[in-house]
Every structure is written in C-alpha cells, then in structure tokens.
C-alpha cells in the first residue's frame, strides 16, 4: 500500500498578493528615494529588483 501523493496548488490569491506586494514595494521605493534625493536609472533598477524579489517571495511563501 502506498500513501496518496499530496499536490500543492498555487491559488489565485497568492498570485494577486505577490503582484500587489511587488507594485506597492516599487511605489514605496520610488517615494523614499526621491525624498532622500537619489535619482537615476541605477536606483530605479535596484528598486525593480527589490520589488520583484519581494513579490516573488510573497507568492512562494503563501503556498
């Protein structure tokens, strides 16, 4: 006898939550960096990387 295999399905809520967290993180990144006087493509690129990482982490952590 073998035990049935459990499958993990990702829900739509975790996808939407990851997207929302990514967008909100980017908005906050832009607001804080502009307030502190940091501008440029490098700062914006770093913000995109951080926002994408936070969104992905939220998506995966919500499984």
C-alpha atoms as a PDB file:
ATOM      1  CA  UNK A   1       0.000   0.000   0.000  1.00  0.00           C
ATOM      2  CA  UNK A   2       1.243   3.393  -0.865  1.00  0.00           C
ATOM      3  CA  UNK A   3       0.103   6.687   0.551  1.00  0.00           C
ATOM      4  CA  UNK A   4      -1.648   9.059  -1.842  1.00  0.00           C
ATOM      5  CA  UNK A   5       0.532  11.869  -3.094  1.00  0.00           C
ATOM      6  CA  UNK A   6      -0.466  15.300  -1.954  1.00  0.00           C
ATOM      7  CA  UNK A   7      -0.217  18.054  -4.510  1.00  0.00           C
ATOM      8  CA  UNK A   8       0.235  21.692  -3.732  1.00  0.00           C
ATOM      9  CA  UNK A   9      -1.711  24.011  -5.947  1.00  0.00           C
ATOM     10  CA  UNK A  10      -0.989  27.690  -6.027  1.00  0.00           C
ATOM     11  CA  UNK A  11      -4.042  29.806  -5.530  1.00  0.00           C
ATOM     12  CA  UNK A  12      -5.076  32.891  -7.383  1.00  0.00           C
ATOM     13  CA  UNK A  13      -4.906  34.845  -4.128  1.00  0.00           C
ATOM     14  CA  UNK A  14      -1.174  34.227  -3.726  1.00  0.00           C
ATOM     15  CA  UNK A  15      -0.562  35.390  -7.300  1.00  0.00           C
ATOM     16  CA  UNK A  16      -2.544  38.577  -6.785  1.00  0.00           C
ATOM     17  CA  UNK A  17      -0.915  39.126  -3.394  1.00  0.00           C
ATOM     18  CA  UNK A  18       2.567  38.794  -4.892  1.00  0.00           C
ATOM     19  CA  UNK A  19       1.740  41.275  -7.643  1.00  0.00           C
ATOM     20  CA  UNK A  20       0.256  43.769  -5.189  1.00  0.00           C
ATOM     21  CA  UNK A  21       3.240  43.493  -2.850  1.00  0.00           C
ATOM     22  CA  UNK A  22       5.633  43.991  -5.772  1.00  0.00           C
ATOM     23  CA  UNK A  23       3.818  47.085  -7.021  1.00  0.00           C
ATOM     24  CA  UNK A  24       3.468  48.563  -3.524  1.00  0.00           C
ATOM     25  CA  UNK A  25       7.157  47.935  -2.846  1.00  0.00           C
ATOM     26  CA  UNK A  26       8.137  49.738  -6.035  1.00  0.00           C
ATOM     27  CA  UNK A  27       5.895  52.704  -5.224  1.00  0.00           C
ATOM     28  CA  UNK A  28       7.409  52.979  -1.752  1.00  0.00           C
ATOM     29  CA  UNK A  29      10.932  52.598  -3.170  1.00  0.00           C
ATOM     30  CA  UNK A  30      10.380  55.476  -5.604  1.00  0.00           C
ATOM     31  CA  UNK A  31       8.803  57.678  -2.924  1.00  0.00           C
ATOM     32  CA  UNK A  32      11.613  57.118  -0.422  1.00  0.00           C
ATOM     33  CA  UNK A  33      14.453  57.501  -2.906  1.00  0.00           C
ATOM     34  CA  UNK A  34      13.011  60.728  -4.308  1.00  0.00           C
ATOM     35  CA  UNK A  35      12.550  62.098  -0.793  1.00  0.00           C
ATOM     36  CA  UNK A  36      16.173  61.265   0.003  1.00  0.00           C
ATOM     37  CA  UNK A  37      17.382  62.810  -3.245  1.00  0.00           C
ATOM     38  CA  UNK A  38      18.512  59.651  -5.013  1.00  0.00           C
ATOM     39  CA  UNK A  39      17.634  59.611  -8.697  1.00  0.00           C
ATOM     40  CA  UNK A  40      18.806  57.751 -11.732  1.00  0.00           C
ATOM     41  CA  UNK A  41      18.421  54.557 -13.648  1.00  0.00           C
ATOM     42  CA  UNK A  42      20.628  52.576 -11.278  1.00  0.00           C
ATOM     43  CA  UNK A  43      18.414  53.391  -8.282  1.00  0.00           C
ATOM     44  CA  UNK A  44      15.287  52.592 -10.307  1.00  0.00           C
ATOM     45  CA  UNK A  45      16.802  49.291 -11.445  1.00  0.00           C
ATOM     46  CA  UNK A  46      17.694  48.355  -7.891  1.00  0.00           C
ATOM     47  CA  UNK A  47      14.114  49.142  -6.895  1.00  0.00           C
ATOM     48  CA  UNK A  48      12.778  46.865  -9.616  1.00  0.00           C
ATOM     49  CA  UNK A  49      14.996  44.031  -8.417  1.00  0.00           C
ATOM     50  CA  UNK A  50      13.930  44.510  -4.792  1.00  0.00           C
ATOM     51  CA  UNK A  51      10.232  44.792  -5.707  1.00  0.00           C
ATOM     52  CA  UNK A  52      10.388  41.682  -7.891  1.00  0.00           C
ATOM     53  CA  UNK A  53      12.148  39.734  -5.142  1.00  0.00           C
ATOM     54  CA  UNK A  54       9.565  40.777  -2.550  1.00  0.00           C
ATOM     55  CA  UNK A  55       6.683  39.915  -4.863  1.00  0.00           C
ATOM     56  CA  UNK A  56       8.177  36.522  -5.682  1.00  0.00           C
ATOM     57  CA  UNK A  57       8.883  35.800  -2.021  1.00  0.00           C
ATOM     58  CA  UNK A  58       5.299  36.692  -1.107  1.00  0.00           C
ATOM     59  CA  UNK A  59       3.988  34.453  -3.874  1.00  0.00           C
ATOM     60  CA  UNK A  60       6.094  31.486  -2.810  1.00  0.00           C
ATOM     61  CA  UNK A  61       5.609  31.991   0.933  1.00  0.00           C
ATOM     62  CA  UNK A  62       1.833  31.946   0.507  1.00  0.00           C
ATOM     63  CA  UNK A  63       1.795  28.383  -0.796  1.00  0.00           C
END
